[in-house]
């Protein structure tokens, strides 16, 4: 089974769009609520909410970075190869995890 690089690119670009939408939704929600001192007035609840939003944004940014790195590997011609060994990745693994950098050992 061979890797369909164009399908992989489409999948990665779609994932990047999905992550961008998620990031924008969190940002829009925060903007609609206003500054932290204008939230509920319960400092603990407000802090927890902001912490959650910041954690979600960090997770989304990490995922965006992984997708961007996979797209760069596609451009470089190294997509689908284990970064450590240079061996081809299992196409089923890439289908399940398009940002995979190596085989499961």
C-alpha atoms as a PDB file:
ATOM      1  CA  UNK A   1       0.000   0.000   0.000  1.00  0.00           C
ATOM      2  CA  UNK A   2       1.437   3.346  -1.077  1.00  0.00           C
ATOM      3  CA  UNK A   3       0.910   6.763   0.461  1.00  0.00           C
ATOM      4  CA  UNK A   4      -1.321   9.091  -1.570  1.00  0.00           C
ATOM      5  CA  UNK A   5       0.566  12.351  -1.046  1.00  0.00           C
ATOM      6  CA  UNK A   6      -2.146  14.560  -2.536  1.00  0.00           C
ATOM      7  CA  UNK A   7      -4.755  12.976  -0.292  1.00  0.00           C
ATOM      8  CA  UNK A   8      -2.419  13.479   2.671  1.00  0.00           C
ATOM      9  CA  UNK A   9      -2.006  17.163   1.724  1.00  0.00           C
ATOM     10  CA  UNK A  10      -5.775  17.628   1.454  1.00  0.00           C
ATOM     11  CA  UNK A  11      -6.299  15.928   4.803  1.00  0.00           C
ATOM     12  CA  UNK A  12      -3.619  18.064   6.495  1.00  0.00           C
ATOM     13  CA  UNK A  13      -4.973  21.295   5.003  1.00  0.00           C
ATOM     14  CA  UNK A  14      -8.491  20.381   6.138  1.00  0.00           C
ATOM     15  CA  UNK A  15      -7.153  19.699   9.642  1.00  0.00           C
ATOM     16  CA  UNK A  16      -5.369  23.061   9.642  1.00  0.00           C
ATOM     17  CA  UNK A  17      -8.640  24.793   8.697  1.00  0.00           C
ATOM     18  CA  UNK A  18     -10.453  22.915  11.474  1.00  0.00           C
ATOM     19  CA  UNK A  19      -7.834  23.958  14.037  1.00  0.00           C
ATOM     20  CA  UNK A  20      -8.000  27.571  12.848  1.00  0.00           C
ATOM     21  CA  UNK A  21     -11.792  27.548  13.295  1.00  0.00           C
ATOM     22  CA  UNK A  22     -11.424  26.151  16.816  1.00  0.00           C
ATOM     23  CA  UNK A  23      -8.849  28.798  17.702  1.00  0.00           C
ATOM     24  CA  UNK A  24     -11.024  31.571  16.278  1.00  0.00           C
ATOM     25  CA  UNK A  25     -14.084  30.325  18.182  1.00  0.00           C
ATOM     26  CA  UNK A  26     -12.208  30.465  21.486  1.00  0.00           C
ATOM     27  CA  UNK A  27     -10.887  33.919  20.653  1.00  0.00           C
ATOM     28  CA  UNK A  28     -14.339  35.182  19.610  1.00  0.00           C
ATOM     29  CA  UNK A  29     -15.887  33.838  22.808  1.00  0.00           C
ATOM     30  CA  UNK A  30     -13.285  35.610  24.921  1.00  0.00           C
ATOM     31  CA  UNK A  31     -13.813  38.866  23.039  1.00  0.00           C
ATOM     32  CA  UNK A  32     -17.586  38.643  23.445  1.00  0.00           C
ATOM     33  CA  UNK A  33     -17.258  38.234  27.211  1.00  0.00           C
ATOM     34  CA  UNK A  34     -14.765  41.058  27.644  1.00  0.00           C
ATOM     35  CA  UNK A  35     -11.829  41.518  29.976  1.00  0.00           C
ATOM     36  CA  UNK A  36     -11.309  39.087  32.848  1.00  0.00           C
ATOM     37  CA  UNK A  37     -12.423  41.641  35.433  1.00  0.00           C
ATOM     38  CA  UNK A  38     -15.798  41.841  33.644  1.00  0.00           C
ATOM     39  CA  UNK A  39     -16.566  38.110  33.739  1.00  0.00           C
ATOM     40  CA  UNK A  40     -18.614  36.610  36.582  1.00  0.00           C
ATOM     41  CA  UNK A  41     -17.047  38.374  39.522  1.00  0.00           C
ATOM     42  CA  UNK A  42     -16.050  35.007  40.992  1.00  0.00           C
ATOM     43  CA  UNK A  43     -12.252  35.149  40.784  1.00  0.00           C
ATOM     44  CA  UNK A  44     -11.825  31.382  41.070  1.00  0.00           C
ATOM     45  CA  UNK A  45     -14.371  30.624  38.382  1.00  0.00           C
ATOM     46  CA  UNK A  46     -13.028  33.337  36.092  1.00  0.00           C
ATOM     47  CA  UNK A  47      -9.436  32.188  36.546  1.00  0.00           C
ATOM     48  CA  UNK A  48     -10.406  28.580  35.822  1.00  0.00           C
ATOM     49  CA  UNK A  49     -12.184  29.662  32.648  1.00  0.00           C
ATOM     50  CA  UNK A  50      -9.242  31.705  31.420  1.00  0.00           C
ATOM     51  CA  UNK A  51      -6.835  28.881  32.294  1.00  0.00           C
ATOM     52  CA  UNK A  52      -8.976  26.455  30.295  1.00  0.00           C
ATOM     53  CA  UNK A  53      -9.078  28.794  27.300  1.00  0.00           C
ATOM     54  CA  UNK A  54      -5.318  29.328  27.411  1.00  0.00           C
ATOM     55  CA  UNK A  55      -4.701  25.571  27.671  1.00  0.00           C
ATOM     56  CA  UNK A  56      -7.032  24.933  24.728  1.00  0.00           C
ATOM     57  CA  UNK A  57      -5.292  27.595  22.662  1.00  0.00           C
ATOM     58  CA  UNK A  58      -1.878  26.095  23.506  1.00  0.00           C
ATOM     59  CA  UNK A  59      -3.078  22.615  22.508  1.00  0.00           C
ATOM     60  CA  UNK A  60      -4.489  23.956  19.251  1.00  0.00           C
ATOM     61  CA  UNK A  61      -1.243  25.805  18.506  1.00  0.00           C
ATOM     62  CA  UNK A  62       0.771  22.637  19.157  1.00  0.00           C
ATOM     63  CA  UNK A  63      -1.486  20.727  16.765  1.00  0.00           C
ATOM     64  CA  UNK A  64      -1.178  23.522  14.175  1.00  0.00           C
ATOM     65  CA  UNK A  65       2.615  23.311  14.457  1.00  0.00           C
ATOM     66  CA  UNK A  66       2.492  19.536  13.901  1.00  0.00           C
ATOM     67  CA  UNK A  67       0.308  19.954  10.813  1.00  0.00           C
ATOM     68  CA  UNK A  68       2.587  22.696   9.463  1.00  0.00           C
ATOM     69  CA  UNK A  69       5.613  20.441  10.017  1.00  0.00           C
ATOM     70  CA  UNK A  70       3.884  17.584   8.171  1.00  0.00           C
ATOM     71  CA  UNK A  71       3.079  19.912   5.270  1.00  0.00           C
ATOM     72  CA  UNK A  72       6.725  20.989   5.209  1.00  0.00           C
ATOM     73  CA  UNK A  73       7.786  17.333   5.072  1.00  0.00           C
ATOM     74  CA  UNK A  74       5.436  16.901   2.100  1.00  0.00           C
ATOM     75  CA  UNK A  75       7.142  19.838   0.386  1.00  0.00           C
ATOM     76  CA  UNK A  76      10.608  18.515   1.275  1.00  0.00           C
ATOM     77  CA  UNK A  77       9.853  15.014   0.045  1.00  0.00           C
ATOM     78  CA  UNK A  78      10.418  13.492   3.483  1.00  0.00           C
ATOM     79  CA  UNK A  79       6.766  12.892   4.379  1.00  0.00           C
ATOM     80  CA  UNK A  80       6.039   9.261   5.090  1.00  0.00           C
ATOM     81  CA  UNK A  81       9.512   8.410   6.360  1.00  0.00           C
ATOM     82  CA  UNK A  82      10.587   7.816   9.950  1.00  0.00           C
ATOM     83  CA  UNK A  83      12.602  10.846  11.084  1.00  0.00           C
ATOM     84  CA  UNK A  84      15.001   8.677  13.090  1.00  0.00           C
ATOM     85  CA  UNK A  85      15.562   5.673  10.859  1.00  0.00           C
ATOM     86  CA  UNK A  86      14.582   6.916   7.401  1.00  0.00           C
ATOM     87  CA  UNK A  87      12.395   3.838   6.978  1.00  0.00           C
ATOM     88  CA  UNK A  88       9.014   4.266   5.280  1.00  0.00           C
ATOM     89  CA  UNK A  89       6.089   4.761   7.638  1.00  0.00           C
ATOM     90  CA  UNK A  90       3.211   2.327   7.591  1.00  0.00           C
ATOM     91  CA  UNK A  91       0.579   3.936   5.313  1.00  0.00           C
ATOM     92  CA  UNK A  92      -2.153   2.835   7.733  1.00  0.00           C
ATOM     93  CA  UNK A  93      -0.366   4.727  10.511  1.00  0.00           C
ATOM     94  CA  UNK A  94      -0.231   7.856   8.367  1.00  0.00           C
ATOM     95  CA  UNK A  95      -3.875   7.427   7.490  1.00  0.00           C
ATOM     96  CA  UNK A  96      -4.716   7.331  11.211  1.00  0.00           C
ATOM     97  CA  UNK A  97      -2.152   9.973  12.264  1.00  0.00           C
ATOM     98  CA  UNK A  98      -1.229  12.158   9.261  1.00  0.00           C
ATOM     99  CA  UNK A  99       1.295  14.117  11.336  1.00  0.00           C
ATOM    100  CA  UNK A 100       3.215  10.982  12.409  1.00  0.00           C
ATOM    101  CA  UNK A 101       6.974  11.384  12.392  1.00  0.00           C
ATOM    102  CA  UNK A 102       7.855   7.770  13.050  1.00  0.00           C
ATOM    103  CA  UNK A 103       6.632   4.235  13.344  1.00  0.00           C
ATOM    104  CA  UNK A 104       5.488   2.877  16.658  1.00  0.00           C
ATOM    105  CA  UNK A 105       8.298   0.883  18.164  1.00  0.00           C
END
